[in-house]
Amino acid sequence: MFSMAMWMAAFVTPIQIFVGDLHGINTLEHQPAKIAAMEGHYETHRDAPLILFGIPDDEAEETKYAVEIPRLGSLILTHTLDGEIKGLKEWNKDDRPRALIPFITFRVMVGLGVLMLLVGL
């Protein structure tokens, strides 16, 4: 039974990652402020970096201690290296989501997905 579970994880996890990517593209189109909060972007960027780690600070309107990979954020979200990602500053402070919890929980979700893929393989 354990072997069957690992085979299932090995085959289903890549499908889940693909479906998650499609959902991210849909969310970018319909809820761009949510994506900005999850990604920790306060400024609008073309060729946006992927922020791996950091601490979003809504008061200072920046992600402190950010560890970034240049241009990868745009590639993942728009499937182009110079795609535009709107930052949280595009919305009034009253209309934007707080970034810390979505930022952290998104990284936990991605980490668990990668871990599940590695365990399955």
PDB file of N, CA and C in Angstrom:
ATOM      1  N   MET A   1       0.830  -1.194   0.000  1.00  0.00           N
ATOM      2  CA  MET A   1       0.000   0.000   0.000  1.00  0.00           C
ATOM      3  C   MET A   1       0.869   1.250   0.000  1.00  0.00           C
ATOM      4  N   PHE A   2       1.995   1.200   0.731  1.00  0.00           N
ATOM      5  CA  PHE A   2       2.885   2.357   0.755  1.00  0.00           C
ATOM      6  C   PHE A   2       3.470   2.613  -0.629  1.00  0.00           C
ATOM      7  N   SER A   3       3.839   1.542  -1.320  1.00  0.00           N
ATOM      8  CA  SER A   3       4.372   1.674  -2.674  1.00  0.00           C
ATOM      9  C   SER A   3       3.339   2.308  -3.608  1.00  0.00           C
ATOM     10  N   MET A   4       2.085   1.880  -3.480  1.00  0.00           N
ATOM     11  CA  MET A   4       1.025   2.462  -4.315  1.00  0.00           C
ATOM     12  C   MET A   4       0.852   3.946  -4.006  1.00  0.00           C
ATOM     13  N   ALA A   5       0.943   4.313  -2.734  1.00  0.00           N
ATOM     14  CA  ALA A   5       0.810   5.721  -2.357  1.00  0.00           C
ATOM     15  C   ALA A   5       1.948   6.547  -2.944  1.00  0.00           C
ATOM     16  N   MET A   6       3.151   6.014  -2.933  1.00  0.00           N
ATOM     17  CA  MET A   6       4.294   6.752  -3.492  1.00  0.00           C
ATOM     18  C   MET A   6       4.180   6.891  -5.008  1.00  0.00           C
ATOM     19  N   TRP A   7       3.712   5.838  -5.692  1.00  0.00           N
ATOM     20  CA  TRP A   7       3.488   5.938  -7.135  1.00  0.00           C
ATOM     21  C   TRP A   7       2.406   6.981  -7.426  1.00  0.00           C
ATOM     22  N   MET A   8       1.372   6.982  -6.603  1.00  0.00           N
ATOM     23  CA  MET A   8       0.302   7.973  -6.780  1.00  0.00           C
ATOM     24  C   MET A   8       0.854   9.390  -6.608  1.00  0.00           C
ATOM     25  N   ALA A   9       1.665   9.596  -5.578  1.00  0.00           N
ATOM     26  CA  ALA A   9       2.265  10.917  -5.354  1.00  0.00           C
ATOM     27  C   ALA A   9       3.167  11.309  -6.517  1.00  0.00           C
ATOM     28  N   ALA A  10       3.921  10.349  -7.043  1.00  0.00           N
ATOM     29  CA  ALA A  10       4.834  10.636  -8.151  1.00  0.00           C
ATOM     30  C   ALA A  10       4.087  11.047  -9.413  1.00  0.00           C
ATOM     31  N   PHE A  11       2.914  10.485  -9.639  1.00  0.00           N
ATOM     32  CA  PHE A  11       2.156  10.821 -10.845  1.00  0.00           C
ATOM     33  C   PHE A  11       1.199  11.992 -10.659  1.00  0.00           C
ATOM     34  N   VAL A  12       0.594  12.106  -9.501  1.00  0.00           N
ATOM     35  CA  VAL A  12      -0.431  13.134  -9.287  1.00  0.00           C
ATOM     36  C   VAL A  12       0.177  14.498  -8.949  1.00  0.00           C
ATOM     37  N   THR A  13       1.303  14.518  -8.255  1.00  0.00           N
ATOM     38  CA  THR A  13       1.893  15.792  -7.848  1.00  0.00           C
ATOM     39  C   THR A  13       2.248  16.679  -9.042  1.00  0.00           C
ATOM     40  N   PRO A  14       2.872  16.177 -10.119  1.00  0.00           N
ATOM     41  CA  PRO A  14       3.123  17.051 -11.270  1.00  0.00           C
ATOM     42  C   PRO A  14       1.830  17.601 -11.886  1.00  0.00           C
ATOM     43  N   ILE A  15       0.781  16.808 -11.873  1.00  0.00           N
ATOM     44  CA  ILE A  15      -0.506  17.303 -12.382  1.00  0.00           C
ATOM     45  C   ILE A  15      -1.015  18.424 -11.492  1.00  0.00           C
ATOM     46  N   GLN A  16      -0.888  18.248 -10.182  1.00  0.00           N
ATOM     47  CA  GLN A  16      -1.315  19.292  -9.250  1.00  0.00           C
ATOM     48  C   GLN A  16      -0.500  20.570  -9.431  1.00  0.00           C
ATOM     49  N   ILE A  17       0.794  20.442  -9.676  1.00  0.00           N
ATOM     50  CA  ILE A  17       1.635  21.613  -9.917  1.00  0.00           C
ATOM     51  C   ILE A  17       1.176  22.328 -11.184  1.00  0.00           C
ATOM     52  N   PHE A  18       0.858  21.578 -12.233  1.00  0.00           N
ATOM     53  CA  PHE A  18       0.368  22.176 -13.483  1.00  0.00           C
ATOM     54  C   PHE A  18      -0.957  22.901 -13.256  1.00  0.00           C
ATOM     55  N   VAL A  19      -1.879  22.266 -12.548  1.00  0.00           N
ATOM     56  CA  VAL A  19      -3.180  22.889 -12.267  1.00  0.00           C
ATOM     57  C   VAL A  19      -2.991  24.119 -11.378  1.00  0.00           C
ATOM     58  N   GLY A  20      -2.070  24.058 -10.431  1.00  0.00           N
ATOM     59  CA  GLY A  20      -1.775  25.220  -9.597  1.00  0.00           C
ATOM     60  C   GLY A  20      -1.240  26.378 -10.411  1.00  0.00           C
ATOM     61  N   ASP A  21      -0.414  26.091 -11.418  1.00  0.00           N
ATOM     62  CA  ASP A  21       0.081  27.135 -12.310  1.00  0.00           C
ATOM     63  C   ASP A  21      -1.068  27.786 -13.071  1.00  0.00           C
ATOM     64  N   LEU A  22      -1.977  26.984 -13.581  1.00  0.00           N
ATOM     65  CA  LEU A  22      -3.152  27.537 -14.276  1.00  0.00           C
ATOM     66  C   LEU A  22      -3.990  28.408 -13.337  1.00  0.00           C
ATOM     67  N   HIS A  23      -4.130  27.967 -12.098  1.00  0.00           N
ATOM     68  CA  HIS A  23      -4.889  28.748 -11.116  1.00  0.00           C
ATOM     69  C   HIS A  23      -4.174  30.067 -10.812  1.00  0.00           C
ATOM     70  N   GLY A  24      -2.846  30.044 -10.754  1.00  0.00           N
ATOM     71  CA  GLY A  24      -2.088  31.276 -10.529  1.00  0.00           C
ATOM     72  C   GLY A  24      -2.277  32.282 -11.648  1.00  0.00           C
ATOM     73  N   ILE A  25      -2.295  31.799 -12.880  1.00  0.00           N
ATOM     74  CA  ILE A  25      -2.528  32.689 -14.024  1.00  0.00           C
ATOM     75  C   ILE A  25      -3.930  33.291 -13.952  1.00  0.00           C
ATOM     76  N   ASN A  26      -4.914  32.477 -13.590  1.00  0.00           N
ATOM     77  CA  ASN A  26      -6.286  32.956 -13.439  1.00  0.00           C
ATOM     78  C   ASN A  26      -6.377  33.991 -12.312  1.00  0.00           C
ATOM     79  N   THR A  27      -5.708  33.734 -11.203  1.00  0.00           N
ATOM     80  CA  THR A  27      -5.732  34.665 -10.071  1.00  0.00           C
ATOM     81  C   THR A  27      -5.046  35.975 -10.443  1.00  0.00           C
ATOM     82  N   LEU A  28      -3.960  35.911 -11.211  1.00  0.00           N
ATOM     83  CA  LEU A  28      -3.294  37.133 -11.663  1.00  0.00           C
ATOM     84  C   LEU A  28      -4.230  37.988 -12.495  1.00  0.00           C
ATOM     85  N   GLU A  29      -5.062  37.347 -13.301  1.00  0.00           N
ATOM     86  CA  GLU A  29      -6.002  38.092 -14.150  1.00  0.00           C
ATOM     87  C   GLU A  29      -7.158  38.684 -13.347  1.00  0.00           C
ATOM     88  N   HIS A  30      -7.714  37.910 -12.427  1.00  0.00           N
ATOM     89  CA  HIS A  30      -8.940  38.329 -11.736  1.00  0.00           C
ATOM     90  C   HIS A  30      -8.721  38.925 -10.348  1.00  0.00           C
ATOM     91  N   GLN A  31      -7.615  38.599  -9.691  1.00  0.00           N
ATOM     92  CA  GLN A  31      -7.323  39.099  -8.342  1.00  0.00           C
ATOM     93  C   GLN A  31      -5.845  39.484  -8.236  1.00  0.00           C
ATOM     94  N   PRO A  32      -5.415  40.491  -8.997  1.00  0.00           N
ATOM     95  CA  PRO A  32      -3.986  40.825  -9.010  1.00  0.00           C
ATOM     96  C   PRO A  32      -3.455  41.309  -7.664  1.00  0.00           C
ATOM     97  N   ALA A  33      -4.287  41.899  -6.820  1.00  0.00           N
ATOM     98  CA  ALA A  33      -3.824  42.337  -5.501  1.00  0.00           C
ATOM     99  C   ALA A  33      -3.464  41.135  -4.631  1.00  0.00           C
ATOM    100  N   LYS A  34      -4.211  40.043  -4.774  1.00  0.00           N
ATOM    101  CA  LYS A  34      -3.904  38.827  -4.017  1.00  0.00           C
ATOM    102  C   LYS A  34      -2.549  38.270  -4.441  1.00  0.00           C
ATOM    103  N   ILE A  35      -2.274  38.275  -5.739  1.00  0.00           N
ATOM    104  CA  ILE A  35      -0.982  37.798  -6.236  1.00  0.00           C
ATOM    105  C   ILE A  35       0.142  38.691  -5.728  1.00  0.00           C
ATOM    106  N   ALA A  36      -0.071  40.003  -5.751  1.00  0.00           N
ATOM    107  CA  ALA A  36       0.955  40.926  -5.249  1.00  0.00           C
ATOM    108  C   ALA A  36       1.266  40.646  -3.787  1.00  0.00           C
ATOM    109  N   ALA A  37       0.243  40.358  -2.992  1.00  0.00           N
ATOM    110  CA  ALA A  37       0.455  40.045  -1.572  1.00  0.00           C
ATOM    111  C   ALA A  37       1.185  38.709  -1.419  1.00  0.00           C
ATOM    112  N   MET A  38       0.767  37.698  -2.158  1.00  0.00           N
ATOM    113  CA  MET A  38       1.409  36.379  -2.065  1.00  0.00           C
ATOM    114  C   MET A  38       2.870  36.439  -2.490  1.00  0.00           C
ATOM    115  N   GLU A  39       3.164  37.268  -3.466  1.00  0.00           N
ATOM    116  CA  GLU A  39       4.530  37.367  -3.979  1.00  0.00           C
ATOM    117  C   GLU A  39       5.365  38.401  -3.241  1.00  0.00           C
ATOM    118  N   GLY A  40       4.741  39.242  -2.431  1.00  0.00           N
ATOM    119  CA  GLY A  40       5.478  40.241  -1.660  1.00  0.00           C
ATOM    120  C   GLY A  40       5.932  41.441  -2.459  1.00  0.00           C
ATOM    121  N   HIS A  41       5.211  41.742  -3.548  1.00  0.00           N
ATOM    122  CA  HIS A  41       5.579  42.885  -4.395  1.00  0.00           C
ATOM    123  C   HIS A  41       4.747  44.107  -4.014  1.00  0.00           C
ATOM    124  N   TYR A  42       5.437  45.179  -3.679  1.00  0.00           N
ATOM    125  CA  TYR A  42       4.759  46.439  -3.395  1.00  0.00           C
ATOM    126  C   TYR A  42       4.849  47.370  -4.594  1.00  0.00           C
ATOM    127  N   GLU A  43       5.898  47.251  -5.380  1.00  0.00           N
ATOM    128  CA  GLU A  43       6.088  48.062  -6.581  1.00  0.00           C
ATOM    129  C   GLU A  43       5.679  47.244  -7.803  1.00  0.00           C
ATOM    130  N   THR A  44       5.131  47.916  -8.803  1.00  0.00           N
ATOM    131  CA  THR A  44       4.822  47.264 -10.070  1.00  0.00           C
ATOM    132  C   THR A  44       6.133  47.047 -10.825  1.00  0.00           C
ATOM    133  N   HIS A  45       6.301  45.840 -11.369  1.00  0.00           N
ATOM    134  CA  HIS A  45       7.538  45.479 -12.063  1.00  0.00           C
ATOM    135  C   HIS A  45       7.225  44.873 -13.419  1.00  0.00           C
ATOM    136  N   ARG A  46       8.040  45.213 -14.388  1.00  0.00           N
ATOM    137  CA  ARG A  46       8.203  44.368 -15.556  1.00  0.00           C
ATOM    138  C   ARG A  46       9.431  43.543 -15.215  1.00  0.00           C
ATOM    139  N   ASP A  47       9.550  42.371 -15.695  1.00  0.00           N
ATOM    140  CA  ASP A  47      10.623  41.433 -15.348  1.00  0.00           C
ATOM    141  C   ASP A  47      10.808  41.335 -13.825  1.00  0.00           C
ATOM    142  N   ALA A  48       9.696  41.034 -13.145  1.00  0.00           N
ATOM    143  CA  ALA A  48       9.674  40.975 -11.674  1.00  0.00           C
ATOM    144  C   ALA A  48      10.489  39.794 -11.155  1.00  0.00           C
ATOM    145  N   PRO A  49      11.204  40.013 -10.060  1.00  0.00           N
ATOM    146  CA  PRO A  49      11.935  38.901  -9.458  1.00  0.00           C
ATOM    147  C   PRO A  49      10.999  37.972  -8.693  1.00  0.00           C
ATOM    148  N   LEU A  50      11.449  36.751  -8.476  1.00  0.00           N
ATOM    149  CA  LEU A  50      10.752  35.834  -7.578  1.00  0.00           C
ATOM    150  C   LEU A  50      11.371  36.025  -6.202  1.00  0.00           C
ATOM    151  N   ILE A  51      10.564  36.427  -5.237  1.00  0.00           N
ATOM    152  CA  ILE A  51      11.050  36.606  -3.874  1.00  0.00           C
ATOM    153  C   ILE A  51      10.905  35.258  -3.164  1.00  0.00           C
ATOM    154  N   LEU A  52      12.033  34.622  -2.892  1.00  0.00           N
ATOM    155  CA  LEU A  52      12.008  33.317  -2.237  1.00  0.00           C
ATOM    156  C   LEU A  52      11.640  33.451  -0.767  1.00  0.00           C
ATOM    157  N   PHE A  53      12.310  34.364  -0.080  1.00  0.00           N
ATOM    158  CA  PHE A  53      12.106  34.568   1.341  1.00  0.00           C
ATOM    159  C   PHE A  53      12.157  36.052   1.636  1.00  0.00           C
ATOM    160  N   GLY A  54      11.586  36.457   2.732  1.00  0.00           N
ATOM    161  CA  GLY A  54      11.604  37.844   3.172  1.00  0.00           C
ATOM    162  C   GLY A  54      10.496  38.060   4.185  1.00  0.00           C
ATOM    163  N   ILE A  55      10.357  39.295   4.600  1.00  0.00           N
ATOM    164  CA  ILE A  55       9.316  39.657   5.552  1.00  0.00           C
ATOM    165  C   ILE A  55       8.568  40.863   4.999  1.00  0.00           C
ATOM    166  N   PRO A  56       7.362  40.666   4.472  1.00  0.00           N
ATOM    167  CA  PRO A  56       6.590  41.806   3.975  1.00  0.00           C
ATOM    168  C   PRO A  56       6.226  42.758   5.116  1.00  0.00           C
ATOM    169  N   ASP A  57       6.457  44.041   4.892  1.00  0.00           N
ATOM    170  CA  ASP A  57       6.139  45.077   5.876  1.00  0.00           C
ATOM    171  C   ASP A  57       5.150  46.040   5.228  1.00  0.00           C
ATOM    172  N   ASP A  58       3.867  45.905   5.597  1.00  0.00           N
ATOM    173  CA  ASP A  58       2.829  46.738   4.987  1.00  0.00           C
ATOM    174  C   ASP A  58       2.972  48.210   5.358  1.00  0.00           C
ATOM    175  N   GLU A  59       3.515  48.503   6.523  1.00  0.00           N
ATOM    176  CA  GLU A  59       3.679  49.901   6.940  1.00  0.00           C
ATOM    177  C   GLU A  59       4.770  50.581   6.114  1.00  0.00           C
ATOM    178  N   ALA A  60       5.902  49.913   5.934  1.00  0.00           N
ATOM    179  CA  ALA A  60       7.005  50.469   5.151  1.00  0.00           C
ATOM    180  C   ALA A  60       6.808  50.246   3.652  1.00  0.00           C
ATOM    181  N   GLU A  61       5.836  49.417   3.277  1.00  0.00           N
ATOM    182  CA  GLU A  61       5.533  49.065   1.890  1.00  0.00           C
ATOM    183  C   GLU A  61       6.754  48.496   1.162  1.00  0.00           C
ATOM    184  N   GLU A  62       7.382  47.517   1.822  1.00  0.00           N
ATOM    185  CA  GLU A  62       8.509  46.818   1.217  1.00  0.00           C
ATOM    186  C   GLU A  62       8.631  45.429   1.837  1.00  0.00           C
ATOM    187  N   THR A  63       9.296  44.545   1.123  1.00  0.00           N
ATOM    188  CA  THR A  63       9.594  43.229   1.674  1.00  0.00           C
ATOM    189  C   THR A  63      11.028  43.268   2.156  1.00  0.00           C
ATOM    190  N   LYS A  64      11.179  43.222   3.465  1.00  0.00           N
ATOM    191  CA  LYS A  64      12.506  43.332   4.061  1.00  0.00           C
ATOM    192  C   LYS A  64      13.232  41.991   3.989  1.00  0.00           C
ATOM    193  N   TYR A  65      14.547  42.078   3.891  1.00  0.00           N
ATOM    194  CA  TYR A  65      15.430  40.905   3.869  1.00  0.00           C
ATOM    195  C   TYR A  65      15.090  39.957   2.715  1.00  0.00           C
ATOM    196  N   ALA A  66      14.644  40.513   1.600  1.00  0.00           N
ATOM    197  CA  ALA A  66      14.202  39.691   0.472  1.00  0.00           C
ATOM    198  C   ALA A  66      15.375  38.973  -0.190  1.00  0.00           C
ATOM    199  N   VAL A  67      15.177  37.695  -0.428  1.00  0.00           N
ATOM    200  CA  VAL A  67      16.103  36.894  -1.230  1.00  0.00           C
ATOM    201  C   VAL A  67      15.379  36.648  -2.549  1.00  0.00           C
ATOM    202  N   GLU A  68      15.936  37.187  -3.633  1.00  0.00           N
ATOM    203  CA  GLU A  68      15.232  37.203  -4.920  1.00  0.00           C
ATOM    204  C   GLU A  68      16.003  36.476  -6.007  1.00  0.00           C
ATOM    205  N   ILE A  69      15.258  35.963  -6.975  1.00  0.00           N
ATOM    206  CA  ILE A  69      15.830  35.452  -8.217  1.00  0.00           C
ATOM    207  C   ILE A  69      15.314  36.364  -9.326  1.00  0.00           C
ATOM    208  N   PRO A  70      16.209  37.109  -9.989  1.00  0.00           N
ATOM    209  CA  PRO A  70      15.772  38.081 -10.996  1.00  0.00           C
ATOM    210  C   PRO A  70      14.934  37.453 -12.113  1.00  0.00           C
ATOM    211  N   ARG A  71      13.871  38.151 -12.490  1.00  0.00           N
ATOM    212  CA  ARG A  71      12.993  37.850 -13.625  1.00  0.00           C
ATOM    213  C   ARG A  71      12.156  36.577 -13.496  1.00  0.00           C
ATOM    214  N   LEU A  72      12.424  35.755 -12.513  1.00  0.00           N
ATOM    215  CA  LEU A  72      11.720  34.477 -12.402  1.00  0.00           C
ATOM    216  C   LEU A  72      10.257  34.653 -11.994  1.00  0.00           C
ATOM    217  N   GLY A  73       9.946  35.692 -11.227  1.00  0.00           N
ATOM    218  CA  GLY A  73       8.554  35.952 -10.858  1.00  0.00           C
ATOM    219  C   GLY A  73       7.679  36.206 -12.071  1.00  0.00           C
ATOM    220  N   SER A  74       8.178  37.032 -12.995  1.00  0.00           N
ATOM    221  CA  SER A  74       7.426  37.284 -14.226  1.00  0.00           C
ATOM    222  C   SER A  74       7.295  36.034 -15.067  1.00  0.00           C
ATOM    223  N   LEU A  75       8.366  35.252 -15.150  1.00  0.00           N
ATOM    224  CA  LEU A  75       8.324  34.023 -15.945  1.00  0.00           C
ATOM    225  C   LEU A  75       7.291  33.047 -15.392  1.00  0.00           C
ATOM    226  N   ILE A  76       7.246  32.872 -14.086  1.00  0.00           N
ATOM    227  CA  ILE A  76       6.303  31.926 -13.490  1.00  0.00           C
ATOM    228  C   ILE A  76       4.867  32.423 -13.638  1.00  0.00           C
ATOM    229  N   LEU A  77       4.639  33.711 -13.402  1.00  0.00           N
ATOM    230  CA  LEU A  77       3.262  34.225 -13.385  1.00  0.00           C
ATOM    231  C   LEU A  77       2.707  34.575 -14.756  1.00  0.00           C
ATOM    232  N   THR A  78       3.564  35.060 -15.667  1.00  0.00           N
ATOM    233  CA  THR A  78       3.054  35.484 -16.981  1.00  0.00           C
ATOM    234  C   THR A  78       3.589  34.627 -18.121  1.00  0.00           C
ATOM    235  N   HIS A  79       4.527  33.735 -17.807  1.00  0.00           N
ATOM    236  CA  HIS A  79       5.190  32.878 -18.793  1.00  0.00           C
ATOM    237  C   HIS A  79       6.001  33.675 -19.807  1.00  0.00           C
ATOM    238  N   THR A  80       6.397  34.903 -19.440  1.00  0.00           N
ATOM    239  CA  THR A  80       7.344  35.700 -20.214  1.00  0.00           C
ATOM    240  C   THR A  80       8.331  36.332 -19.237  1.00  0.00           C
ATOM    241  N   LEU A  81       9.554  36.559 -19.686  1.00  0.00           N
ATOM    242  CA  LEU A  81      10.574  37.123 -18.795  1.00  0.00           C
ATOM    243  C   LEU A  81      10.307  38.583 -18.434  1.00  0.00           C
ATOM    244  N   ASP A  82       9.586  39.314 -19.290  1.00  0.00           N
ATOM    245  CA  ASP A  82       9.358  40.727 -19.006  1.00  0.00           C
ATOM    246  C   ASP A  82       7.888  41.035 -18.722  1.00  0.00           C
ATOM    247  N   GLY A  83       7.142  40.048 -18.256  1.00  0.00           N
ATOM    248  CA  GLY A  83       5.734  40.258 -17.930  1.00  0.00           C
ATOM    249  C   GLY A  83       5.576  41.209 -16.751  1.00  0.00           C
ATOM    250  N   GLU A  84       4.486  41.971 -16.765  1.00  0.00           N
ATOM    251  CA  GLU A  84       4.254  42.958 -15.711  1.00  0.00           C
ATOM    252  C   GLU A  84       3.475  42.346 -14.551  1.00  0.00           C
ATOM    253  N   ILE A  85       3.985  42.580 -13.351  1.00  0.00           N
ATOM    254  CA  ILE A  85       3.316  42.169 -12.123  1.00  0.00           C
ATOM    255  C   ILE A  85       3.003  43.443 -11.346  1.00  0.00           C
ATOM    256  N   LYS A  86       1.723  43.686 -11.105  1.00  0.00           N
ATOM    257  CA  LYS A  86       1.330  44.883 -10.364  1.00  0.00           C
ATOM    258  C   LYS A  86       1.714  44.735  -8.900  1.00  0.00           C
ATOM    259  N   GLY A  87       2.174  45.823  -8.308  1.00  0.00           N
ATOM    260  CA  GLY A  87       2.521  45.848  -6.900  1.00  0.00           C
ATOM    261  C   GLY A  87       1.348  46.324  -6.058  1.00  0.00           C
ATOM    262  N   LEU A  88       1.435  46.108  -4.767  1.00  0.00           N
ATOM    263  CA  LEU A  88       0.348  46.492  -3.858  1.00  0.00           C
ATOM    264  C   LEU A  88       0.109  47.993  -3.828  1.00  0.00           C
ATOM    265  N   LYS A  89       1.105  48.791  -4.190  1.00  0.00           N
ATOM    266  CA  LYS A  89       0.928  50.241  -4.193  1.00  0.00           C
ATOM    267  C   LYS A  89      -0.045  50.715  -5.276  1.00  0.00           C
ATOM    268  N   GLU A  90      -0.441  49.830  -6.158  1.00  0.00           N
ATOM    269  CA  GLU A  90      -1.421  50.180  -7.197  1.00  0.00           C
ATOM    270  C   GLU A  90      -2.821  50.387  -6.608  1.00  0.00           C
ATOM    271  N   TRP A  91      -3.054  49.878  -5.403  1.00  0.00           N
ATOM    272  CA  TRP A  91      -4.361  49.967  -4.765  1.00  0.00           C
ATOM    273  C   TRP A  91      -4.262  50.846  -3.523  1.00  0.00           C
ATOM    274  N   ASN A  92      -5.380  51.456  -3.152  1.00  0.00           N
ATOM    275  CA  ASN A  92      -5.425  52.226  -1.911  1.00  0.00           C
ATOM    276  C   ASN A  92      -5.131  51.295  -0.740  1.00  0.00           C
ATOM    277  N   LYS A  93      -4.558  51.838   0.319  1.00  0.00           N
ATOM    278  CA  LYS A  93      -4.212  51.012   1.482  1.00  0.00           C
ATOM    279  C   LYS A  93      -5.434  50.283   2.046  1.00  0.00           C
ATOM    280  N   ASP A  94      -6.604  50.901   1.969  1.00  0.00           N
ATOM    281  CA  ASP A  94      -7.811  50.269   2.501  1.00  0.00           C
ATOM    282  C   ASP A  94      -8.301  49.118   1.626  1.00  0.00           C
ATOM    283  N   ASP A  95      -7.892  49.094   0.360  1.00  0.00           N
ATOM    284  CA  ASP A  95      -8.390  48.096  -0.585  1.00  0.00           C
ATOM    285  C   ASP A  95      -7.418  46.928  -0.803  1.00  0.00           C
ATOM    286  N   ARG A  96      -6.240  47.012  -0.268  1.00  0.00           N
ATOM    287  CA  ARG A  96      -5.260  45.951  -0.520  1.00  0.00           C
ATOM    288  C   ARG A  96      -5.198  44.959   0.634  1.00  0.00           C
ATOM    289  N   PRO A  97      -4.900  43.716   0.318  1.00  0.00           N
ATOM    290  CA  PRO A  97      -4.777  42.717   1.388  1.00  0.00           C
ATOM    291  C   PRO A  97      -3.476  42.919   2.157  1.00  0.00           C
ATOM    292  N   ARG A  98      -3.473  42.499   3.399  1.00  0.00           N
ATOM    293  CA  ARG A  98      -2.233  42.494   4.185  1.00  0.00           C
ATOM    294  C   ARG A  98      -1.381  41.351   3.635  1.00  0.00           C
ATOM    295  N   ALA A  99      -0.090  41.569   3.515  1.00  0.00           N
ATOM    296  CA  ALA A  99       0.757  40.643   2.760  1.00  0.00           C
ATOM    297  C   ALA A  99       1.393  39.528   3.573  1.00  0.00           C
ATOM    298  N   LEU A 100       1.610  39.705   4.860  1.00  0.00           N
ATOM    299  CA  LEU A 100       2.431  38.757   5.611  1.00  0.00           C
ATOM    300  C   LEU A 100       1.880  37.330   5.600  1.00  0.00           C
ATOM    301  N   ILE A 101       0.621  37.144   5.947  1.00  0.00           N
ATOM    302  CA  ILE A 101       0.062  35.785   6.036  1.00  0.00           C
ATOM    303  C   ILE A 101      -0.021  35.114   4.660  1.00  0.00           C
ATOM    304  N   PRO A 102      -0.548  35.786   3.605  1.00  0.00           N
ATOM    305  CA  PRO A 102      -0.533  35.118   2.287  1.00  0.00           C
ATOM    306  C   PRO A 102       0.883  34.815   1.796  1.00  0.00           C
ATOM    307  N   PHE A 103       1.825  35.705   2.070  1.00  0.00           N
ATOM    308  CA  PHE A 103       3.211  35.507   1.642  1.00  0.00           C
ATOM    309  C   PHE A 103       3.797  34.248   2.280  1.00  0.00           C
ATOM    310  N   ILE A 104       3.632  34.108   3.589  1.00  0.00           N
ATOM    311  CA  ILE A 104       4.206  32.960   4.298  1.00  0.00           C
ATOM    312  C   ILE A 104       3.476  31.665   3.951  1.00  0.00           C
ATOM    313  N   THR A 105       2.150  31.687   3.970  1.00  0.00           N
ATOM    314  CA  THR A 105       1.403  30.448   3.721  1.00  0.00           C
ATOM    315  C   THR A 105       1.571  29.957   2.288  1.00  0.00           C
ATOM    316  N   PHE A 106       1.758  30.870   1.346  1.00  0.00           N
ATOM    317  CA  PHE A 106       2.009  30.452  -0.036  1.00  0.00           C
ATOM    318  C   PHE A 106       3.326  29.684  -0.116  1.00  0.00           C
ATOM    319  N   ARG A 107       4.349  30.166   0.571  1.00  0.00           N
ATOM    320  CA  ARG A 107       5.636  29.478   0.554  1.00  0.00           C
ATOM    321  C   ARG A 107       5.570  28.128   1.264  1.00  0.00           C
ATOM    322  N   VAL A 108       4.784  28.040   2.311  1.00  0.00           N
ATOM    323  CA  VAL A 108       4.581  26.746   2.981  1.00  0.00           C
ATOM    324  C   VAL A 108       3.910  25.770   2.016  1.00  0.00           C
ATOM    325  N   MET A 109       2.880  26.247   1.296  1.00  0.00           N
ATOM    326  CA  MET A 109       2.171  25.392   0.349  1.00  0.00           C
ATOM    327  C   MET A 109       3.118  24.883  -0.745  1.00  0.00           C
ATOM    328  N   VAL A 110       3.900  25.781  -1.326  1.00  0.00           N
ATOM    329  CA  VAL A 110       4.829  25.382  -2.386  1.00  0.00           C
ATOM    330  C   VAL A 110       5.875  24.420  -1.831  1.00  0.00           C
ATOM    331  N   GLY A 111       6.386  24.694  -0.645  1.00  0.00           N
ATOM    332  CA  GLY A 111       7.370  23.810  -0.030  1.00  0.00           C
ATOM    333  C   GLY A 111       6.824  22.412   0.200  1.00  0.00           C
ATOM    334  N   LEU A 112       5.591  22.320   0.674  1.00  0.00           N
ATOM    335  CA  LEU A 112       4.974  21.006   0.886  1.00  0.00           C
ATOM    336  C   LEU A 112       4.752  20.281  -0.438  1.00  0.00           C
ATOM    337  N   GLY A 113       4.380  21.021  -1.478  1.00  0.00           N
ATOM    338  CA  GLY A 113       4.204  20.404  -2.795  1.00  0.00           C
ATOM    339  C   GLY A 113       5.508  19.850  -3.340  1.00  0.00           C
ATOM    340  N   VAL A 114       6.586  20.613  -3.209  1.00  0.00           N
ATOM    341  CA  VAL A 114       7.897  20.142  -3.669  1.00  0.00           C
ATOM    342  C   VAL A 114       8.337  18.943  -2.839  1.00  0.00           C
ATOM    343  N   LEU A 115       8.116  18.999  -1.545  1.00  0.00           N
ATOM    344  CA  LEU A 115       8.464  17.866  -0.676  1.00  0.00           C
ATOM    345  C   LEU A 115       7.680  16.617  -1.075  1.00  0.00           C
ATOM    346  N   MET A 116       6.396  16.772  -1.376  1.00  0.00           N
ATOM    347  CA  MET A 116       5.567  15.636  -1.784  1.00  0.00           C
ATOM    348  C   MET A 116       6.087  15.052  -3.098  1.00  0.00           C
ATOM    349  N   LEU A 117       6.493  15.924  -4.027  1.00  0.00           N
ATOM    350  CA  LEU A 117       7.041  15.443  -5.291  1.00  0.00           C
ATOM    351  C   LEU A 117       8.345  14.674  -5.062  1.00  0.00           C
ATOM    352  N   LEU A 118       9.217  15.210  -4.221  1.00  0.00           N
ATOM    353  CA  LEU A 118      10.494  14.546  -3.955  1.00  0.00           C
ATOM    354  C   LEU A 118      10.293  13.198  -3.249  1.00  0.00           C
ATOM    355  N   VAL A 119       9.374  13.155  -2.296  1.00  0.00           N
ATOM    356  CA  VAL A 119       9.109  11.895  -1.595  1.00  0.00           C
ATOM    357  C   VAL A 119       8.530  10.875  -2.573  1.00  0.00           C
ATOM    358  N   GLY A 120       7.633  11.312  -3.446  1.00  0.00           N
ATOM    359  CA  GLY A 120       7.056  10.404  -4.424  1.00  0.00           C
ATOM    360  C   GLY A 120       8.092   9.854  -5.389  1.00  0.00           C
ATOM    361  N   LEU A 121       9.018  10.713  -5.787  1.00  0.00           N
ATOM    362  CA  LEU A 121      10.085  10.250  -6.704  1.00  0.00           C
ATOM    363  C   LEU A 121      11.055   9.344  -5.984  1.00  0.00           C
TER     364      LEU A 121
END
